[in-house]
Amino acid sequence: AELCKCLLTISCGTFADNDCVDRFLAHHDIAHDEVQEWRWRGHGCPGPCPYARARDGREAKGEYVDFWYRNGLEAGPLTYQWRCNMCSDFL
């Protein structure tokens, strides 16, 4: 501890829980077993957030700002994993 004057960490920026994913898929009428592709950040940064594609080609996507900062809007509310509530980066 005497040798470490400061410590740097990276923040994950929180991580949505499974309930949040379930509501997003249900809002877009896509069942779990239909999902062929899932991405938190679409096809690039800052692509759609989140993005899902079903086996039949249907797509569901949200805008980053709407999903993370406007609490999920119609598919919300955005909820986090329990461990995020205890993380100093979350507080």
N, C-alpha and C. Protein backbone atom coordinates (compact mmCIF):
# COMPACT_ATOMS: atom_id res chain seq x y z
N ALA A 1 0.81 -1.20 0.00
CA ALA A 1 0.00 0.00 0.00
C ALA A 1 0.85 1.26 0.00
N GLU A 2 2.02 1.21 0.64
CA GLU A 2 2.88 2.39 0.68
C GLU A 2 3.45 2.71 -0.69
N LEU A 3 3.63 1.70 -1.52
CA LEU A 3 4.21 1.92 -2.84
C LEU A 3 3.17 2.37 -3.86
N CYS A 4 1.91 2.12 -3.61
CA CYS A 4 0.84 2.48 -4.55
C CYS A 4 0.23 3.82 -4.15
N LYS A 5 0.57 4.86 -4.88
CA LYS A 5 0.01 6.17 -4.59
C LYS A 5 -1.39 6.34 -5.16
N CYS A 6 -1.69 5.63 -6.23
CA CYS A 6 -3.04 5.65 -6.79
C CYS A 6 -3.25 4.36 -7.59
N LEU A 7 -4.49 4.00 -7.74
CA LEU A 7 -4.87 2.82 -8.50
C LEU A 7 -5.87 3.22 -9.56
N LEU A 8 -5.73 2.69 -10.74
CA LEU A 8 -6.66 2.98 -11.83
C LEU A 8 -7.47 1.73 -12.14
N THR A 9 -8.73 1.92 -12.37
CA THR A 9 -9.58 0.81 -12.77
C THR A 9 -10.44 1.25 -13.93
N ILE A 10 -10.97 0.30 -14.64
CA ILE A 10 -11.93 0.64 -15.69
C ILE A 10 -13.32 0.33 -15.16
N SER A 11 -14.27 1.09 -15.60
CA SER A 11 -15.64 0.89 -15.20
C SER A 11 -16.37 0.13 -16.30
N CYS A 12 -17.18 -0.82 -15.91
CA CYS A 12 -17.93 -1.57 -16.92
C CYS A 12 -19.13 -0.75 -17.41
N GLY A 13 -19.50 0.29 -16.66
CA GLY A 13 -20.64 1.11 -17.05
C GLY A 13 -21.97 0.45 -16.74
N THR A 14 -21.98 -0.50 -15.85
CA THR A 14 -23.13 -1.31 -15.45
C THR A 14 -23.49 -2.33 -16.52
N PHE A 15 -24.30 -3.27 -16.16
CA PHE A 15 -24.65 -4.35 -17.05
C PHE A 15 -26.09 -4.74 -16.78
N ALA A 16 -26.92 -4.68 -17.79
CA ALA A 16 -28.34 -4.99 -17.60
C ALA A 16 -28.52 -6.44 -17.16
N ASP A 17 -29.56 -6.67 -16.38
CA ASP A 17 -29.82 -8.03 -15.91
C ASP A 17 -30.71 -8.79 -16.89
N ASN A 18 -30.96 -10.06 -16.59
CA ASN A 18 -31.75 -10.91 -17.49
C ASN A 18 -33.19 -10.44 -17.63
N ASP A 19 -33.76 -9.89 -16.56
CA ASP A 19 -35.13 -9.37 -16.65
C ASP A 19 -35.23 -8.27 -17.69
N CYS A 20 -34.21 -7.43 -17.74
CA CYS A 20 -34.19 -6.34 -18.72
C CYS A 20 -34.16 -6.90 -20.15
N VAL A 21 -33.33 -7.91 -20.36
CA VAL A 21 -33.26 -8.55 -21.68
C VAL A 21 -34.60 -9.19 -22.03
N ASP A 22 -35.21 -9.87 -21.05
CA ASP A 22 -36.51 -10.51 -21.28
C ASP A 22 -37.56 -9.50 -21.71
N ARG A 23 -37.61 -8.35 -21.04
CA ARG A 23 -38.60 -7.32 -21.40
C ARG A 23 -38.34 -6.74 -22.78
N PHE A 24 -37.08 -6.55 -23.12
CA PHE A 24 -36.73 -6.02 -24.44
C PHE A 24 -37.19 -6.99 -25.54
N LEU A 25 -36.89 -8.27 -25.37
CA LEU A 25 -37.30 -9.26 -26.37
C LEU A 25 -38.82 -9.39 -26.44
N ALA A 26 -39.47 -9.42 -25.29
CA ALA A 26 -40.94 -9.54 -25.26
C ALA A 26 -41.59 -8.33 -25.92
N HIS A 27 -41.03 -7.16 -25.70
CA HIS A 27 -41.58 -5.95 -26.31
C HIS A 27 -41.54 -6.03 -27.83
N HIS A 28 -40.56 -6.74 -28.36
CA HIS A 28 -40.41 -6.88 -29.81
C HIS A 28 -40.92 -8.23 -30.31
N ASP A 29 -41.67 -8.95 -29.46
CA ASP A 29 -42.27 -10.24 -29.83
C ASP A 29 -41.26 -11.24 -30.37
N ILE A 30 -40.12 -11.34 -29.70
CA ILE A 30 -39.11 -12.33 -30.06
C ILE A 30 -38.89 -13.23 -28.85
N ALA A 31 -39.04 -14.53 -29.04
CA ALA A 31 -38.81 -15.49 -27.97
C ALA A 31 -37.31 -15.79 -27.87
N HIS A 32 -36.87 -16.21 -26.67
CA HIS A 32 -35.44 -16.53 -26.48
C HIS A 32 -34.93 -17.53 -27.50
N ASP A 33 -35.70 -18.57 -27.75
CA ASP A 33 -35.22 -19.61 -28.66
C ASP A 33 -35.22 -19.19 -30.12
N GLU A 34 -35.77 -18.01 -30.41
CA GLU A 34 -35.74 -17.48 -31.78
C GLU A 34 -34.51 -16.61 -32.04
N VAL A 35 -33.82 -16.20 -30.99
CA VAL A 35 -32.70 -15.26 -31.14
C VAL A 35 -31.51 -15.97 -31.79
N GLN A 36 -31.09 -15.42 -32.91
CA GLN A 36 -29.92 -15.94 -33.59
C GLN A 36 -28.69 -15.08 -33.29
N GLU A 37 -28.93 -13.79 -33.09
CA GLU A 37 -27.82 -12.88 -32.83
C GLU A 37 -28.25 -11.86 -31.78
N TRP A 38 -27.36 -11.63 -30.81
CA TRP A 38 -27.61 -10.62 -29.76
C TRP A 38 -26.35 -9.79 -29.62
N ARG A 39 -26.51 -8.48 -29.61
CA ARG A 39 -25.37 -7.58 -29.41
C ARG A 39 -25.81 -6.44 -28.49
N TRP A 40 -24.95 -6.14 -27.55
CA TRP A 40 -25.24 -4.98 -26.69
C TRP A 40 -24.97 -3.68 -27.42
N ARG A 41 -24.03 -3.66 -28.36
CA ARG A 41 -23.66 -2.43 -29.04
C ARG A 41 -23.86 -2.51 -30.55
N GLY A 42 -24.80 -3.25 -31.02
CA GLY A 42 -25.11 -3.29 -32.45
C GLY A 42 -23.93 -3.73 -33.29
N HIS A 43 -23.77 -3.09 -34.41
CA HIS A 43 -22.67 -3.42 -35.33
C HIS A 43 -21.69 -2.26 -35.37
N GLY A 44 -21.09 -1.98 -34.27
CA GLY A 44 -20.14 -0.87 -34.18
C GLY A 44 -20.46 -0.03 -32.97
N CYS A 45 -19.67 0.95 -32.75
CA CYS A 45 -19.84 1.81 -31.59
C CYS A 45 -20.02 3.23 -32.09
N PRO A 46 -21.15 3.88 -31.90
CA PRO A 46 -22.19 3.49 -30.95
C PRO A 46 -23.40 2.85 -31.61
N GLY A 47 -23.32 1.79 -32.25
CA GLY A 47 -24.46 1.15 -32.91
C GLY A 47 -25.69 1.01 -32.05
N PRO A 48 -26.75 0.42 -32.59
CA PRO A 48 -27.97 0.22 -31.81
C PRO A 48 -27.65 -0.52 -30.50
N CYS A 49 -28.37 -0.18 -29.47
CA CYS A 49 -28.08 -0.75 -28.16
C CYS A 49 -29.38 -1.01 -27.42
N PRO A 50 -29.79 -2.21 -27.24
CA PRO A 50 -29.23 -3.46 -27.74
C PRO A 50 -29.76 -3.77 -29.13
N TYR A 51 -29.29 -4.88 -29.68
CA TYR A 51 -29.70 -5.33 -31.00
C TYR A 51 -29.94 -6.83 -30.94
N ALA A 52 -31.03 -7.28 -31.51
CA ALA A 52 -31.32 -8.71 -31.59
C ALA A 52 -31.86 -9.03 -32.97
N ARG A 53 -31.49 -10.21 -33.49
CA ARG A 53 -32.03 -10.68 -34.76
C ARG A 53 -32.53 -12.10 -34.56
N ALA A 54 -33.77 -12.31 -34.98
CA ALA A 54 -34.37 -13.64 -34.89
C ALA A 54 -33.98 -14.47 -36.11
N ARG A 55 -34.15 -15.78 -36.00
CA ARG A 55 -33.80 -16.68 -37.12
C ARG A 55 -34.56 -16.34 -38.39
N ASP A 56 -35.78 -15.79 -38.26
CA ASP A 56 -36.57 -15.46 -39.45
C ASP A 56 -36.23 -14.08 -40.02
N GLY A 57 -35.21 -13.41 -39.46
CA GLY A 57 -34.75 -12.14 -40.00
C GLY A 57 -35.31 -10.91 -39.30
N ARG A 58 -36.30 -11.08 -38.42
CA ARG A 58 -36.82 -9.92 -37.69
C ARG A 58 -35.72 -9.32 -36.82
N GLU A 59 -35.70 -8.00 -36.75
CA GLU A 59 -34.70 -7.31 -35.95
C GLU A 59 -35.37 -6.46 -34.89
N ALA A 60 -34.71 -6.36 -33.76
CA ALA A 60 -35.15 -5.47 -32.68
C ALA A 60 -33.93 -4.68 -32.25
N LYS A 61 -34.10 -3.40 -32.12
CA LYS A 61 -32.97 -2.59 -31.69
C LYS A 61 -33.46 -1.36 -30.95
N GLY A 62 -32.60 -0.84 -30.13
CA GLY A 62 -32.89 0.38 -29.39
C GLY A 62 -31.77 1.37 -29.58
N GLU A 63 -32.03 2.59 -29.26
CA GLU A 63 -31.00 3.62 -29.32
C GLU A 63 -30.25 3.64 -27.99
N TYR A 64 -28.97 3.84 -28.04
CA TYR A 64 -28.13 3.82 -26.85
C TYR A 64 -28.66 4.75 -25.76
N VAL A 65 -28.91 6.00 -26.12
CA VAL A 65 -29.36 6.99 -25.14
C VAL A 65 -30.70 6.60 -24.55
N ASP A 66 -31.62 6.14 -25.37
CA ASP A 66 -32.94 5.73 -24.88
C ASP A 66 -32.83 4.56 -23.92
N PHE A 67 -32.03 3.58 -24.27
CA PHE A 67 -31.95 2.36 -23.47
C PHE A 67 -31.24 2.60 -22.14
N TRP A 68 -30.09 3.27 -22.17
CA TRP A 68 -29.30 3.43 -20.95
C TRP A 68 -29.67 4.66 -20.13
N TYR A 69 -30.01 5.75 -20.77
CA TYR A 69 -30.22 6.99 -20.02
C TYR A 69 -31.68 7.38 -19.85
N ARG A 70 -32.54 6.90 -20.70
CA ARG A 70 -33.96 7.21 -20.56
C ARG A 70 -34.72 6.02 -20.02
N ASN A 71 -33.96 5.13 -19.38
CA ASN A 71 -34.52 4.01 -18.63
C ASN A 71 -35.32 3.03 -19.47
N GLY A 72 -34.89 2.80 -20.69
CA GLY A 72 -35.51 1.75 -21.50
C GLY A 72 -36.81 2.12 -22.18
N LEU A 73 -37.35 3.28 -21.90
CA LEU A 73 -38.61 3.75 -22.47
C LEU A 73 -39.68 2.66 -22.43
N GLU A 74 -40.29 2.36 -23.56
CA GLU A 74 -41.43 1.44 -23.56
C GLU A 74 -41.05 0.01 -23.18
N ALA A 75 -39.81 -0.39 -23.38
CA ALA A 75 -39.39 -1.74 -23.00
C ALA A 75 -38.85 -1.76 -21.57
N GLY A 76 -38.77 -0.61 -20.94
CA GLY A 76 -38.14 -0.47 -19.62
C GLY A 76 -39.02 -0.96 -18.50
N PRO A 77 -38.62 -0.71 -17.29
CA PRO A 77 -37.43 0.09 -16.95
C PRO A 77 -36.15 -0.73 -17.05
N LEU A 78 -35.07 -0.04 -17.29
CA LEU A 78 -33.76 -0.67 -17.34
C LEU A 78 -33.39 -1.10 -15.93
N THR A 79 -33.02 -2.33 -15.77
CA THR A 79 -32.61 -2.85 -14.47
C THR A 79 -31.22 -3.46 -14.60
N TYR A 80 -30.52 -3.50 -13.48
CA TYR A 80 -29.13 -3.93 -13.47
C TYR A 80 -28.94 -5.20 -12.67
N GLN A 81 -27.79 -5.83 -12.84
CA GLN A 81 -27.44 -6.97 -12.02
C GLN A 81 -27.26 -6.50 -10.58
N TRP A 82 -27.54 -7.36 -9.61
CA TRP A 82 -27.46 -6.98 -8.20
C TRP A 82 -26.08 -6.49 -7.82
N ARG A 83 -25.03 -7.05 -8.43
CA ARG A 83 -23.67 -6.66 -8.06
C ARG A 83 -23.35 -5.22 -8.44
N CYS A 84 -24.07 -4.66 -9.42
CA CYS A 84 -23.83 -3.27 -9.81
C CYS A 84 -24.17 -2.30 -8.68
N ASN A 85 -25.15 -2.66 -7.86
CA ASN A 85 -25.54 -1.79 -6.74
C ASN A 85 -24.47 -1.70 -5.67
N MET A 86 -23.54 -2.64 -5.64
CA MET A 86 -22.50 -2.64 -4.63
C MET A 86 -21.19 -2.11 -5.18
N CYS A 87 -21.10 -1.85 -6.45
CA CYS A 87 -19.85 -1.42 -7.09
C CYS A 87 -19.65 0.08 -6.87
N SER A 88 -18.43 0.45 -6.50
CA SER A 88 -18.15 1.87 -6.26
C SER A 88 -18.26 2.70 -7.55
N ASP A 89 -18.07 2.08 -8.71
CA ASP A 89 -18.22 2.82 -9.97
C ASP A 89 -19.69 3.15 -10.26
N PHE A 90 -20.60 2.36 -9.71
CA PHE A 90 -22.02 2.57 -9.94
C PHE A 90 -22.58 3.69 -9.07
N LEU A 91 -22.00 3.87 -7.91
CA LEU A 91 -22.54 4.83 -6.93
C LEU A 91 -22.34 6.27 -7.33
